[in-house]
Amino acid sequence: MQMTVDLFDSIINTSQDCVFWKNKDRRFIGVNQAFLDFYGFESADVLIGKNDEDMGWHSDPEPYKQDELLVLSGKSTYKVQGKCIVRGEERDIIASKRPLYSGNEIVGLVGSFVDITDVIRRKNKNDGSQVLYTINDLRKYTFFDKLIDEISLAEILDPLTGILSRSYSIKFVRYLIAEKIPFTFSIIDLDNFKFINDNYGHSAGDKVLARVSKALVKFTKAFGLVGRFGGDELLLIDLVNISDESKINFFENLYGNSKALRNEITFENGSAFITGTSGSATFPDDSDGFTDLFALVDKMLYLGKKKGRNCYSIYEEEKHKNIEIHSIANEGIFTNMHKLKREIEKEKGFDNKIFKVMPQLTKILQMQDLYYVKSDGKMRAVLDKDFIEDASDLPEVMEGDLFSESTLDLIKKHSPVFYQTLIKHNFESVLMSRIQKNGKTKGYLVCAVRRSLRIWQQNECAILFYLAELLADED
């Protein structure tokens, strides 16, 4: 058999090693499918023409740069151990590289690497490790039933969490697609995970990952498998909940009754309330290929983060097909502030000004309406002119100029009248800002939403606070 271009492509793209090739300036000119899967890229377009430094894959890129310059001088390297950052998590790899020649001239380099993070963790016997799937659990699935006789269970599972490793999660998904087996694919991103690592230490972060993984496995035992995609991102591969109604019921129970999410975890030096944001899409109803399916899931995850996190987003073609990531992304906060100021300056009077900026505010704050309270203690809505309720004791809960809470617990304790107004209209999370001038309070802006435990982001708090300042001169 002759080595044709098609045959070469087939060999490269079925290799489980991550393969890449670069020009003499160390810039990518191609990678294989395993490489794209490892980094979670849809295509090589995002890295063609870039080097490792441009991609930010190494906390210290200099040793890797010198290694490649050595290869471009004519040397080959073999099984050099190093580290790279994948979706926020540092992974251990072993890489080999050699020069690429055109005649007698070196025109670039070709390399390959494999992920050995799990091997190292098993070797170090991570104290936080757990095993959540047994051989019998996995034998229920044809893909693993054939595999389990060839490799050990330890190779399949993530050593810290005890769920499927990234590699075998993706292989299982690709198998289901190849065999045309319907399933719902979801990514769960734990909210504010970096804050936990930074404030309580990485051992606390490990405990969160292990605890959430264990609860997810327990909750999904009858539906499918859980895997770790990387860092604080977990995967759900659900073979049962395929219909729209069943997916909604699944996530409603996951967020409401499972204790897997929305649960407090205690550490030696404190505690944290753990929530997660989920994005979900279904094969083959939403997409019949891995790349497109993953892109839909990623889009839904991003949409959930934009909505305030601690929620789930299920792909619906009619609703989401024309949404692009760049249209979901937050504009820069200063751009939003400039737009607010420009629109408000066109109008006169409090009511006209706040009404004018409502289209922009509903998009930024992901809300249906905005409310305000003036000196008479009445809570009014900007859009719903019939909304007038009692909020006379609202000031009792406002210790500072901004109030940002994901629950109504403090309001219930300090402002019972205002609390009754909120629960009367099924509001569950509130963001508020004081309207004041020269130290004198003139009123309050209230962003109230009918979704529990919404996590208010810094840009949202800043926008409401800035709006309150812009309105301070109006009666």
Protein backbone atom coordinates (compact mmCIF):
# COMPACT_ATOMS: atom_id res chain seq x y z
CA MET A 1 0.00 0.00 0.00
CA GLN A 2 1.37 3.43 -0.96
CA MET A 3 1.43 6.29 1.52
CA THR A 4 -1.07 8.77 0.10
CA VAL A 5 -2.06 12.12 1.59
CA ASP A 6 -5.46 10.69 2.58
CA LEU A 7 -3.85 7.69 4.26
CA PHE A 8 -1.41 9.95 6.11
CA ASP A 9 -4.31 12.15 7.33
CA SER A 10 -6.22 9.08 8.48
CA ILE A 11 -3.23 7.81 10.48
CA ILE A 12 -2.56 11.20 12.09
CA ASN A 13 -6.20 11.85 12.99
CA THR A 14 -6.83 8.42 14.50
CA SER A 15 -3.72 8.61 16.68
CA GLN A 16 -4.47 8.97 20.38
CA ASP A 17 -1.30 11.05 20.81
CA CYS A 18 -1.66 14.81 20.33
CA VAL A 19 0.32 15.64 17.17
CA PHE A 20 1.28 19.13 15.93
CA TRP A 21 3.59 20.69 13.38
CA LYS A 22 5.07 24.19 13.26
CA ASN A 23 7.07 26.40 10.91
CA LYS A 24 10.62 27.62 11.59
CA ASP A 25 9.20 30.57 13.55
CA ARG A 26 7.59 28.08 15.99
CA ARG A 27 4.11 28.97 14.78
CA PHE A 28 1.44 26.29 14.34
CA ILE A 29 0.64 25.17 10.82
CA GLY A 30 -1.38 22.06 11.72
CA VAL A 31 -2.59 19.69 14.47
CA ASN A 32 -4.46 16.40 14.61
CA GLN A 33 -7.91 15.61 16.05
CA ALA A 34 -6.55 14.33 19.39
CA PHE A 35 -4.82 17.69 19.86
CA LEU A 36 -8.10 19.57 19.22
CA ASP A 37 -9.97 17.30 21.64
CA PHE A 38 -7.33 17.77 24.33
CA TYR A 39 -7.65 21.55 24.31
CA GLY A 40 -11.37 21.60 23.49
CA PHE A 41 -10.99 23.41 20.14
CA GLU A 42 -13.55 23.08 17.35
CA SER A 43 -10.92 23.56 14.64
CA ALA A 44 -7.26 24.43 14.20
CA ASP A 45 -8.17 27.94 12.99
CA VAL A 46 -7.86 29.35 16.52
CA LEU A 47 -4.14 28.51 16.71
CA ILE A 48 -2.78 28.53 13.13
CA GLY A 49 -0.04 31.15 12.92
CA LYS A 50 0.34 31.38 16.72
CA ASN A 51 3.00 30.06 19.06
CA ASP A 52 2.75 28.61 22.57
CA GLU A 53 3.27 32.03 24.17
CA ASP A 54 0.34 33.46 22.20
CA MET A 55 -1.88 30.63 23.45
CA GLY A 56 -0.79 31.03 27.11
CA TRP A 57 -0.31 27.31 27.68
CA HIS A 58 2.65 27.51 30.06
CA SER A 59 3.08 29.42 33.32
CA ASP A 60 6.79 29.70 32.35
CA PRO A 61 7.07 29.46 28.53
CA GLU A 62 10.85 29.98 28.28
CA PRO A 63 11.96 26.31 28.77
CA TYR A 64 9.54 25.20 26.04
CA LYS A 65 10.74 27.93 23.70
CA GLN A 66 14.39 26.90 24.21
CA ASP A 67 13.43 23.25 23.66
CA GLU A 68 11.89 24.07 20.26
CA LEU A 69 14.81 26.31 19.25
CA LEU A 70 17.08 23.33 19.98
CA VAL A 71 14.94 21.14 17.70
CA LEU A 72 15.03 23.79 14.95
CA SER A 73 18.83 23.70 15.14
CA GLY A 74 18.74 20.01 14.17
CA LYS A 75 18.38 18.14 17.46
CA SER A 76 15.51 15.79 18.36
CA THR A 77 13.95 15.48 21.80
CA TYR A 78 12.25 12.38 23.16
CA LYS A 79 9.78 12.01 26.02
CA VAL A 80 10.53 15.31 27.73
CA GLN A 81 8.25 15.83 30.73
CA GLY A 82 6.52 19.20 31.13
CA LYS A 83 3.30 20.96 32.05
CA CYS A 84 0.59 22.82 30.14
CA ILE A 85 -2.53 24.69 31.16
CA VAL A 86 -5.80 23.29 29.79
CA ARG A 87 -9.05 25.15 30.53
CA GLY A 88 -7.56 26.58 33.70
CA GLU A 89 -6.00 23.33 34.97
CA GLU A 90 -2.30 22.52 34.87
CA ARG A 91 -1.71 19.11 33.28
CA ASP A 92 1.42 16.95 33.11
CA ILE A 93 2.57 15.85 29.65
CA ILE A 94 5.43 13.99 27.96
CA ALA A 95 6.45 15.43 24.57
CA SER A 96 8.74 14.38 21.72
CA LYS A 97 9.84 16.67 18.86
CA ARG A 98 12.02 16.46 15.77
CA PRO A 99 12.98 18.81 12.91
CA LEU A 100 11.03 18.99 9.66
CA TYR A 101 13.24 19.05 6.55
CA SER A 102 12.72 20.21 2.97
CA GLY A 103 15.75 18.79 1.26
CA ASN A 104 18.64 19.67 3.53
CA GLU A 105 16.94 22.74 5.02
CA ILE A 106 15.04 22.73 8.32
CA VAL A 107 11.65 24.33 7.65
CA GLY A 108 9.91 23.58 10.93
CA LEU A 109 9.29 20.91 13.52
CA VAL A 110 6.81 18.13 14.27
CA GLY A 111 5.92 16.98 17.74
CA SER A 112 3.57 14.83 19.76
CA PHE A 113 2.65 14.54 23.41
CA VAL A 114 0.52 12.47 25.78
CA ASP A 115 -1.21 13.49 29.01
CA ILE A 116 0.27 11.69 32.04
CA THR A 117 -1.47 13.71 34.77
CA ASP A 118 -3.60 10.77 35.92
CA VAL A 119 -0.59 8.43 35.97
CA ILE A 120 1.38 10.83 38.18
CA ARG A 121 -1.55 11.34 40.53
CA ARG A 122 -2.01 7.61 40.93
CA LYS A 123 1.71 7.21 41.53
CA ASN A 124 1.60 9.91 44.20
CA LYS A 125 -1.48 8.26 45.75
CA ASN A 126 -3.47 11.44 46.09
CA ASP A 127 -5.08 11.36 49.54
CA GLY A 128 -8.26 12.90 48.21
CA SER A 129 -8.84 10.19 45.63
CA GLN A 130 -12.03 8.17 45.44
CA VAL A 131 -13.51 5.55 43.11
CA LEU A 132 -17.14 6.17 42.15
CA TYR A 133 -17.58 3.65 39.34
CA THR A 134 -16.87 -0.07 39.70
CA ILE A 135 -16.06 -2.46 36.87
CA ASN A 136 -19.64 -3.76 37.04
CA ASP A 137 -21.02 -0.23 36.81
CA LEU A 138 -19.12 0.37 33.57
CA ARG A 139 -19.85 -3.06 32.08
CA LYS A 140 -23.47 -1.93 31.67
CA TYR A 141 -22.23 0.13 28.72
CA THR A 142 -21.04 -1.73 25.62
CA PHE A 143 -18.16 0.68 25.04
CA PHE A 144 -16.66 0.06 28.48
CA ASP A 145 -17.61 -3.63 28.58
CA LYS A 146 -15.21 -4.26 25.69
CA LEU A 147 -12.58 -1.91 27.07
CA ILE A 148 -12.46 -3.02 30.69
CA ASP A 149 -10.80 -6.34 29.82
CA GLU A 150 -7.93 -4.55 28.08
CA ILE A 151 -7.12 -1.73 30.53
CA SER A 152 -7.41 -1.15 34.25
CA LEU A 153 -10.24 0.74 35.92
CA ALA A 154 -7.65 3.22 37.25
CA GLU A 155 -6.81 4.27 33.69
CA ILE A 156 -10.45 5.08 32.92
CA LEU A 157 -11.24 7.11 36.05
CA ASP A 158 -10.05 10.55 37.11
CA PRO A 159 -7.89 9.87 40.20
CA LEU A 160 -9.11 12.84 42.25
CA THR A 161 -12.86 12.65 41.69
CA GLY A 162 -13.36 8.97 40.83
CA ILE A 163 -15.50 9.77 37.77
CA LEU A 164 -14.59 9.22 34.11
CA SER A 165 -11.40 10.95 33.02
CA ARG A 166 -11.52 13.61 30.31
CA SER A 167 -10.06 11.24 27.73
CA TYR A 168 -12.53 8.40 28.28
CA SER A 169 -15.50 10.75 28.64
CA ILE A 170 -14.82 12.11 25.16
CA LYS A 171 -14.14 8.64 23.75
CA PHE A 172 -17.47 7.45 25.16
CA VAL A 173 -19.29 10.42 23.61
CA ARG A 174 -17.65 9.78 20.23
CA TYR A 175 -18.63 6.09 20.49
CA LEU A 176 -22.27 6.97 21.15
CA ILE A 177 -22.29 9.28 18.13
CA ALA A 178 -20.64 6.67 15.90
CA GLU A 179 -23.19 4.05 17.01
CA LYS A 180 -26.05 6.57 16.61
CA ILE A 181 -27.15 6.14 20.24
CA PRO A 182 -29.20 9.17 21.43
CA PHE A 183 -27.97 10.98 24.54
CA THR A 184 -27.97 14.38 26.21
CA PHE A 185 -24.56 15.96 26.69
CA SER A 186 -24.01 18.57 29.43
CA ILE A 187 -21.15 20.53 30.93
CA ILE A 188 -21.39 21.79 34.52
CA ASP A 189 -19.04 24.63 35.44
CA LEU A 190 -18.72 25.14 39.21
CA ASP A 191 -19.32 28.80 40.02
CA ASN A 192 -16.55 30.95 41.51
CA PHE A 193 -14.26 27.94 41.92
CA LYS A 194 -11.14 30.10 41.66
CA PHE A 195 -12.36 32.07 44.68
CA ILE A 196 -12.46 28.84 46.72
CA ASN A 197 -8.93 27.86 45.69
CA ASP A 198 -7.58 31.36 46.32
CA ASN A 199 -9.25 31.86 49.70
CA TYR A 200 -9.36 28.36 51.23
CA GLY A 201 -6.54 26.57 49.39
CA HIS A 202 -6.36 23.89 46.70
CA SER A 203 -7.20 21.15 49.19
CA ALA A 204 -10.58 22.85 49.65
CA GLY A 205 -11.02 22.98 45.87
CA ASP A 206 -10.20 19.27 45.66
CA LYS A 207 -12.77 18.56 48.36
CA VAL A 208 -15.44 20.48 46.43
CA LEU A 209 -14.70 18.57 43.22
CA ALA A 210 -14.76 15.21 45.00
CA ARG A 211 -17.95 16.00 46.94
CA VAL A 212 -19.88 17.36 43.94
CA SER A 213 -18.73 14.45 41.75
CA LYS A 214 -19.93 11.93 44.31
CA ALA A 215 -23.34 13.61 44.57
CA LEU A 216 -23.69 13.82 40.78
CA VAL A 217 -22.88 10.12 40.37
CA LYS A 218 -25.49 9.24 42.96
CA PHE A 219 -28.10 11.44 41.26
CA THR A 220 -27.39 10.24 37.70
CA LYS A 221 -26.87 6.53 38.43
CA ALA A 222 -30.02 5.53 36.55
CA PHE A 223 -29.42 7.91 33.63
CA GLY A 224 -25.79 7.72 32.53
CA LEU A 225 -22.25 8.63 33.46
CA VAL A 226 -20.37 11.61 34.90
CA GLY A 227 -16.91 12.67 33.76
CA ARG A 228 -14.36 15.37 34.49
CA PHE A 229 -13.61 17.61 31.53
CA GLY A 230 -10.88 19.63 33.24
CA GLY A 231 -10.41 21.98 36.17
CA ASP A 232 -13.85 22.71 37.62
CA GLU A 233 -15.82 21.52 34.58
CA LEU A 234 -17.75 18.25 34.84
CA LEU A 235 -19.57 16.31 32.12
CA LEU A 236 -22.95 14.56 32.18
CA ILE A 237 -23.67 11.90 29.55
CA ASP A 238 -27.38 11.12 29.94
CA LEU A 239 -28.82 8.20 27.92
CA VAL A 240 -32.36 8.50 29.28
CA ASN A 241 -33.49 12.13 29.43
CA ILE A 242 -33.70 12.94 25.72
CA SER A 243 -37.08 14.67 25.34
CA ASP A 244 -37.55 18.36 26.15
CA GLU A 245 -39.86 17.62 29.08
CA SER A 246 -37.59 14.99 30.62
CA LYS A 247 -34.52 17.24 30.32
CA ILE A 248 -36.31 20.06 32.12
CA ASN A 249 -37.47 17.68 34.87
CA PHE A 250 -33.94 16.31 35.19
CA PHE A 251 -32.36 19.72 35.69
CA GLU A 252 -35.16 20.99 37.92
CA ASN A 253 -34.55 18.02 40.21
CA LEU A 254 -30.77 18.38 39.94
CA TYR A 255 -30.89 22.00 41.02
CA GLY A 256 -33.79 21.66 43.43
CA ASN A 257 -33.63 18.28 45.14
CA SER A 258 -30.33 16.50 44.54
CA LYS A 259 -28.00 18.25 47.03
CA ALA A 260 -25.34 17.90 44.32
CA LEU A 261 -25.52 21.62 43.57
CA ARG A 262 -26.65 24.47 45.81
CA ASN A 263 -25.06 22.86 48.82
CA GLU A 264 -22.72 24.17 51.53
CA ILE A 265 -19.36 22.45 52.01
CA THR A 266 -17.25 23.02 55.11
CA PHE A 267 -13.44 23.18 55.11
CA GLU A 268 -10.91 23.36 57.93
CA ASN A 269 -10.66 27.12 57.48
CA GLY A 270 -14.22 28.04 56.47
CA SER A 271 -17.10 27.02 54.24
CA ALA A 272 -18.60 27.87 50.84
CA PHE A 273 -22.01 27.53 49.24
CA ILE A 274 -21.44 25.54 46.05
CA THR A 275 -23.39 26.22 42.88
CA GLY A 276 -22.87 25.37 39.22
CA THR A 277 -23.87 26.55 35.75
CA SER A 278 -24.93 23.95 33.16
CA GLY A 279 -25.16 23.94 29.38
CA SER A 280 -26.88 21.08 27.56
CA ALA A 281 -27.67 19.77 24.05
CA THR A 282 -28.90 16.43 22.67
CA PHE A 283 -27.65 14.01 20.00
CA PRO A 284 -28.95 13.61 17.34
CA ASP A 285 -31.89 16.03 17.77
CA ASP A 286 -29.72 19.13 18.11
CA SER A 287 -26.60 17.97 16.26
CA ASP A 288 -25.34 14.77 14.64
CA GLY A 289 -21.61 15.42 15.07
CA PHE A 290 -19.25 15.78 18.02
CA THR A 291 -17.80 19.19 17.11
CA ASP A 292 -21.16 20.86 16.52
CA LEU A 293 -22.72 19.19 19.57
CA PHE A 294 -19.89 20.38 21.80
CA ALA A 295 -20.20 23.89 20.36
CA LEU A 296 -23.92 23.98 21.24
CA VAL A 297 -23.23 22.80 24.79
CA ASP A 298 -20.49 25.40 25.16
CA LYS A 299 -22.85 28.10 23.86
CA MET A 300 -25.51 27.12 26.38
CA LEU A 301 -22.95 27.13 29.20
CA TYR A 302 -21.86 30.63 28.20
CA LEU A 303 -25.49 31.74 28.06
CA GLY A 304 -26.04 30.40 31.58
CA LYS A 305 -23.06 32.38 32.86
CA LYS A 306 -24.44 35.50 31.20
CA LYS A 307 -27.80 34.93 32.91
CA GLY A 308 -26.14 35.13 36.31
CA ARG A 309 -24.77 31.58 36.82
CA ASN A 310 -26.26 28.97 39.17
CA CYS A 311 -28.72 27.89 36.48
CA TYR A 312 -29.10 25.55 33.50
CA SER A 313 -29.59 26.30 29.80
CA ILE A 314 -30.96 23.65 27.43
CA TYR A 315 -30.48 24.16 23.70
CA GLU A 316 -33.68 24.86 21.76
CA GLU A 317 -33.19 25.32 18.02
CA GLU A 318 -35.96 27.87 17.53
CA LYS A 319 -34.73 29.94 20.45
CA HIS A 320 -30.97 29.61 20.19
CA LYS A 321 -29.98 28.73 16.61
CA ASN A 322 -29.07 32.29 15.64
CA ILE A 323 -27.28 33.19 18.87
CA GLU A 324 -23.52 33.55 18.52
CA ILE A 325 -21.06 33.57 21.40
CA HIS A 326 -19.86 37.06 20.56
CA SER A 327 -23.44 38.36 20.81
CA ILE A 328 -23.83 36.79 24.26
CA ALA A 329 -20.54 38.12 25.56
CA ASN A 330 -20.53 41.10 27.83
CA GLU A 331 -19.40 44.31 26.27
CA GLY A 332 -16.71 46.09 28.22
CA ILE A 333 -18.11 47.68 31.35
CA PHE A 334 -16.87 51.12 30.33
CA THR A 335 -18.62 50.77 26.97
CA ASN A 336 -21.88 49.98 28.76
CA MET A 337 -21.41 52.90 31.15
CA HIS A 338 -20.76 55.26 28.26
CA LYS A 339 -23.94 54.11 26.51
CA LEU A 340 -25.97 54.60 29.69
CA LYS A 341 -24.67 58.11 30.18
CA ARG A 342 -25.20 59.06 26.54
CA GLU A 343 -28.82 57.83 26.55
CA ILE A 344 -29.68 59.44 29.89
CA GLU A 345 -28.28 62.81 28.83
CA LYS A 346 -30.81 62.89 25.98
CA GLU A 347 -33.80 62.90 28.37
CA LYS A 348 -35.15 65.09 31.16
CA GLY A 349 -36.79 63.84 34.35
CA PHE A 350 -36.25 60.67 36.41
CA ASP A 351 -39.02 58.61 34.78
CA ASN A 352 -38.02 59.49 31.21
CA LYS A 353 -34.34 58.83 31.83
CA ILE A 354 -34.80 55.43 33.44
CA PHE A 355 -37.36 54.36 30.84
CA LYS A 356 -34.96 55.34 28.04
CA VAL A 357 -32.21 52.98 29.20
CA MET A 358 -34.43 49.98 29.96
CA PRO A 359 -33.63 48.07 26.72
CA GLN A 360 -29.93 48.26 27.57
CA LEU A 361 -30.47 47.41 31.25
CA THR A 362 -32.66 44.36 30.62
CA LYS A 363 -29.91 42.97 28.38
CA ILE A 364 -27.07 43.66 30.82
CA LEU A 365 -28.89 42.64 34.00
CA GLN A 366 -30.98 39.82 32.47
CA MET A 367 -34.24 41.00 34.04
CA GLN A 368 -37.83 41.63 32.99
CA ASP A 369 -38.30 44.99 34.73
CA LEU A 370 -36.49 47.40 37.02
CA TYR A 371 -37.98 48.79 40.24
CA TYR A 372 -37.32 51.91 42.26
CA VAL A 373 -38.26 53.23 45.68
CA LYS A 374 -38.46 56.96 46.44
CA SER A 375 -38.97 58.87 49.69
CA ASP A 376 -42.63 57.76 49.99
CA GLY A 377 -41.48 54.14 50.54
CA LYS A 378 -43.43 52.79 47.57
CA MET A 379 -41.84 50.30 45.20
CA ARG A 380 -42.69 51.02 41.55
CA ALA A 381 -41.81 49.36 38.27
CA VAL A 382 -40.39 51.16 35.24
CA LEU A 383 -42.34 49.17 32.64
CA ASP A 384 -45.37 47.90 34.59
CA LYS A 385 -47.10 51.12 35.60
CA ASP A 386 -49.69 49.21 37.69
CA PHE A 387 -47.00 47.86 40.02
CA ILE A 388 -47.05 49.81 43.32
CA GLU A 389 -46.10 47.98 46.53
CA ASP A 390 -44.94 48.75 50.07
CA ALA A 391 -41.15 48.85 50.61
CA SER A 392 -41.13 51.33 53.50
CA ASP A 393 -38.60 49.38 55.58
CA LEU A 394 -36.18 48.70 52.71
CA PRO A 395 -33.58 51.15 54.19
CA GLU A 396 -33.17 48.85 57.21
CA VAL A 397 -31.28 46.28 55.15
CA MET A 398 -29.11 48.80 53.24
CA GLU A 399 -25.98 49.13 55.33
CA GLY A 400 -23.94 50.37 52.37
CA ASP A 401 -24.59 51.95 49.01
CA LEU A 402 -25.01 48.57 47.30
CA PHE A 403 -26.86 45.41 48.35
CA SER A 404 -25.99 42.19 46.50
CA GLU A 405 -27.36 38.90 47.83
CA SER A 406 -28.36 35.65 46.13
CA THR A 407 -31.09 34.98 48.73
CA LEU A 408 -33.69 37.02 50.62
CA ASP A 409 -32.48 35.92 54.07
CA LEU A 410 -31.09 39.30 55.16
CA ILE A 411 -34.12 41.14 53.79
CA LYS A 412 -36.45 38.81 55.69
CA LYS A 413 -34.51 39.51 58.89
CA HIS A 414 -34.15 43.30 58.60
CA SER A 415 -36.96 44.45 56.26
CA PRO A 416 -40.02 42.18 56.74
CA VAL A 417 -42.44 44.53 54.93
CA PHE A 418 -40.21 44.74 51.86
CA TYR A 419 -39.69 40.95 52.10
CA GLN A 420 -43.43 40.32 51.93
CA THR A 421 -43.65 42.46 48.80
CA LEU A 422 -40.88 40.46 47.16
CA ILE A 423 -42.29 37.01 47.93
CA LYS A 424 -45.78 38.19 46.91
CA HIS A 425 -44.38 38.59 43.38
CA ASN A 426 -42.21 35.44 43.57
CA PHE A 427 -38.92 37.34 43.60
CA GLU A 428 -36.05 35.25 44.97
CA SER A 429 -32.85 37.26 44.38
CA VAL A 430 -32.24 41.01 44.63
CA LEU A 431 -29.57 43.56 43.68
CA MET A 432 -30.08 47.12 44.99
CA SER A 433 -28.27 50.45 44.84
CA ARG A 434 -28.80 53.64 46.83
CA ILE A 435 -29.62 56.86 44.93
CA GLN A 436 -27.97 59.68 46.84
CA LYS A 437 -26.61 63.21 46.44
CA ASN A 438 -24.34 65.07 48.84
CA GLY A 439 -24.69 62.25 51.36
CA LYS A 440 -28.50 62.42 51.35
CA THR A 441 -30.49 59.34 50.27
CA LYS A 442 -33.09 60.13 47.59
CA GLY A 443 -34.23 56.57 46.88
CA TYR A 444 -33.19 53.10 45.73
CA LEU A 445 -32.95 51.10 42.52
CA VAL A 446 -34.10 47.48 42.87
CA CYS A 447 -33.25 44.70 40.42
CA ALA A 448 -35.44 41.77 41.53
CA VAL A 449 -35.61 38.46 39.63
CA ARG A 450 -37.72 35.33 39.88
CA ARG A 451 -34.79 32.94 40.06
CA SER A 452 -33.33 31.58 43.25
CA LEU A 453 -29.70 32.01 44.24
CA ARG A 454 -28.70 34.19 41.33
CA ILE A 455 -25.04 35.13 41.62
CA TRP A 456 -24.70 38.84 40.85
CA GLN A 457 -21.55 39.59 38.89
CA GLN A 458 -19.25 42.55 39.51
CA ASN A 459 -20.10 44.21 36.19
CA GLU A 460 -23.83 44.00 37.04
CA CYS A 461 -23.30 45.60 40.44
CA ALA A 462 -21.17 48.33 38.88
CA ILE A 463 -23.78 49.13 36.22
CA LEU A 464 -26.64 49.49 38.74
CA PHE A 465 -24.46 51.61 41.05
CA TYR A 466 -23.44 53.85 38.12
CA LEU A 467 -27.06 54.23 37.02
CA ALA A 468 -27.99 55.33 40.54
CA GLU A 469 -25.30 58.01 40.35
CA LEU A 470 -26.56 59.22 36.96
CA LEU A 471 -30.11 59.54 38.37
CA ALA A 472 -29.10 61.27 41.61
CA ASP A 473 -29.72 64.74 40.20
CA GLU A 474 -33.29 63.95 39.16
CA ASP A 475 -36.40 64.27 41.32
